[in-house]
Amino acid sequence: MKKYCVGCGEEINPQRVKILPNTKTCTGCSTTGAKRGVTIMHGDVEKDDTWIETLFVEEEDYELYQKSIGRNSNK
């Protein structure tokens, strides 16, 4: 089933619809920007009780995180 963008009226890419079935916009009209992933290890390594969590954050928050840990995120 074809879906059309409420912003521009063009057909939304079928792969986007497959991944986001409730989407109403194409990628060009979407107001959601790219996200960055931050991996965080929790627990106690000595007790072998650890797990990893991935947080998805906005680009601005990612830059702040990188600065807070003393890294330059520019590649």
Protein backbone atom coordinates (compact mmCIF):
# COMPACT_ATOMS: atom_id res chain seq x y z
CA MET A 1 0.00 0.00 0.00
CA LYS A 2 1.47 3.33 -1.05
CA LYS A 3 1.64 6.15 1.47
CA TYR A 4 2.08 9.80 0.62
CA CYS A 5 3.86 12.50 2.60
CA VAL A 6 1.63 15.04 4.35
CA GLY A 7 4.35 17.66 3.81
CA CYS A 8 5.13 17.47 0.12
CA GLY A 9 2.62 14.96 -1.22
CA GLU A 10 5.29 12.68 -2.72
CA GLU A 11 5.20 8.93 -2.20
CA ILE A 12 7.05 7.83 0.95
CA ASN A 13 9.82 5.32 0.28
CA PRO A 14 8.36 1.81 0.84
CA GLN A 15 11.35 0.83 3.00
CA ARG A 16 10.64 3.77 5.32
CA VAL A 17 6.99 2.70 5.55
CA LYS A 18 8.07 -0.87 6.29
CA ILE A 19 10.30 0.26 9.18
CA LEU A 20 7.98 3.06 10.39
CA PRO A 21 4.45 1.98 9.44
CA ASN A 22 2.84 4.99 11.15
CA THR A 23 5.04 7.57 9.44
CA LYS A 24 3.29 10.48 7.78
CA THR A 25 6.33 12.18 6.22
CA CYS A 26 9.14 11.37 3.82
CA THR A 27 12.74 11.73 5.00
CA GLY A 28 13.00 15.14 3.34
CA CYS A 29 10.05 16.54 5.31
CA SER A 30 10.82 14.78 8.59
CA THR A 31 11.73 17.08 11.47
CA THR A 32 13.59 14.32 13.33
CA GLY A 33 17.33 14.57 12.92
CA ALA A 34 19.98 11.89 13.02
CA LYS A 35 20.73 10.27 16.36
CA ARG A 36 24.02 9.11 17.87
CA GLY A 37 24.56 6.06 20.06
CA VAL A 38 26.39 6.07 23.38
CA THR A 39 27.29 2.68 24.86
CA ILE A 40 27.45 2.49 28.65
CA MET A 41 28.67 -0.46 30.73
CA HIS A 42 26.98 -0.99 34.08
CA GLY A 43 27.66 -3.34 36.97
CA ASP A 44 30.66 -4.78 38.75
CA VAL A 45 33.35 -6.33 36.55
CA GLU A 46 34.96 -8.11 39.50
CA LYS A 47 31.69 -9.92 40.28
CA ASP A 48 31.06 -10.70 36.61
CA ASP A 49 27.79 -8.81 36.92
CA THR A 50 27.85 -6.42 33.98
CA TRP A 51 25.54 -5.34 31.21
CA ILE A 52 25.69 -2.86 28.38
CA GLU A 53 23.10 -0.24 27.59
CA THR A 54 22.95 1.86 24.43
CA LEU A 55 21.41 5.33 24.62
CA PHE A 56 20.36 7.14 21.48
CA VAL A 57 20.79 10.90 21.78
CA GLU A 58 20.57 14.05 19.68
CA GLU A 59 23.78 15.26 18.00
CA GLU A 60 24.10 18.22 20.42
CA ASP A 61 23.86 15.93 23.48
CA TYR A 62 26.40 13.56 21.95
CA GLU A 63 28.87 16.42 21.49
CA LEU A 64 28.40 17.43 25.14
CA TYR A 65 28.95 13.84 26.26
CA GLN A 66 32.15 13.55 24.21
CA LYS A 67 33.49 16.76 25.72
CA SER A 68 32.60 15.59 29.24
CA ILE A 69 34.74 12.46 28.82
CA GLY A 70 37.58 14.38 27.18
CA ARG A 71 37.13 13.22 23.61
CA ASN A 72 36.88 15.16 20.39
CA SER A 73 33.97 13.65 18.42
CA ASN A 74 34.99 15.24 15.09
CA LYS A 75 36.30 12.62 12.69
